[in-house]
């Protein structure tokens, strides 16, 4: 599989997980009413997901930069 496709799919999966955590957290806060505990848990999970998204987007950027450089010098 192309590294660009692989990293893009991982990024998409992480974004979908991010949205699921946000919706699940809001639902949990609404039903249970425990704002502080759920917010802290969500903050940790969201922070980890943001780190993963950042790493994958850096891989995409590096791949595109390498492709651009090889494309320029191939001519």
Protein backbone atom coordinates (compact mmCIF):
# COMPACT_ATOMS: atom_id res chain seq x y z
CA UNK A 1 0.00 0.00 0.00
CA UNK A 2 1.20 3.49 -0.80
CA UNK A 3 2.62 5.26 2.32
CA UNK A 4 0.48 8.29 1.54
CA UNK A 5 -2.72 6.19 1.51
CA UNK A 6 -1.69 4.32 4.64
CA UNK A 7 -0.97 7.49 6.63
CA UNK A 8 -4.11 9.17 5.30
CA UNK A 9 -6.28 6.26 6.40
CA UNK A 10 -4.66 6.27 9.84
CA UNK A 11 -5.26 10.01 10.12
CA UNK A 12 -8.90 9.54 9.12
CA UNK A 13 -9.31 6.78 11.70
CA UNK A 14 -7.80 8.97 14.42
CA UNK A 15 -10.10 11.86 13.52
CA UNK A 16 -13.13 9.56 13.63
CA UNK A 17 -12.00 8.27 17.04
CA UNK A 18 -11.54 11.87 18.15
CA UNK A 19 -15.12 12.71 17.18
CA UNK A 20 -16.42 9.54 18.85
CA UNK A 21 -14.63 10.44 22.09
CA UNK A 22 -16.04 13.96 22.03
CA UNK A 23 -19.60 12.76 21.40
CA UNK A 24 -19.27 9.98 23.96
CA UNK A 25 -17.88 12.37 26.53
CA UNK A 26 -20.66 14.89 26.02
CA UNK A 27 -23.25 12.11 26.26
CA UNK A 28 -21.63 10.79 29.44
CA UNK A 29 -21.54 14.25 31.00
CA UNK A 30 -25.20 14.77 30.12
CA UNK A 31 -26.36 11.44 31.56
CA UNK A 32 -24.13 11.07 34.60
CA UNK A 33 -23.48 14.70 35.38
CA UNK A 34 -19.86 14.08 36.46
CA UNK A 35 -18.18 16.96 34.67
CA UNK A 36 -14.69 17.00 36.17
CA UNK A 37 -13.86 13.29 35.96
CA UNK A 38 -15.18 12.85 32.44
CA UNK A 39 -13.50 16.05 31.27
CA UNK A 40 -10.12 14.96 32.62
CA UNK A 41 -10.44 11.53 31.01
CA UNK A 42 -11.51 13.08 27.72
CA UNK A 43 -8.62 15.53 27.88
CA UNK A 44 -6.08 12.74 28.21
CA UNK A 45 -7.58 10.70 25.38
CA UNK A 46 -7.96 13.73 23.12
CA UNK A 47 -4.37 14.78 23.82
CA UNK A 48 -3.10 11.35 22.80
CA UNK A 49 -5.22 11.38 19.65
CA UNK A 50 -3.91 14.83 18.72
CA UNK A 51 -0.35 13.56 19.12
CA UNK A 52 -1.10 10.58 16.87
CA UNK A 53 -2.76 12.79 14.26
CA UNK A 54 0.23 15.13 14.33
CA UNK A 55 2.69 12.26 13.82
CA UNK A 56 0.75 10.88 10.87
CA UNK A 57 0.35 14.29 9.27
CA UNK A 58 4.11 14.81 9.57
CA UNK A 59 4.65 11.49 7.78
CA UNK A 60 2.31 12.64 5.01
CA UNK A 61 4.15 15.95 4.76
CA UNK A 62 7.55 14.20 4.58
CA UNK A 63 6.31 11.82 1.90
CA UNK A 64 4.90 14.64 -0.20
CA UNK A 65 8.09 16.66 0.21
CA UNK A 66 10.20 13.68 -0.93
CA UNK A 67 7.93 13.12 -3.91
CA UNK A 68 8.19 16.78 -4.83
CA UNK A 69 11.98 16.72 -4.62
CA UNK A 70 12.35 13.54 -6.69
CA UNK A 71 9.86 14.89 -9.21
CA UNK A 72 11.80 18.10 -9.65
CA UNK A 73 15.14 16.39 -10.19
CA UNK A 74 13.79 13.56 -12.37
CA UNK A 75 13.23 15.89 -15.33
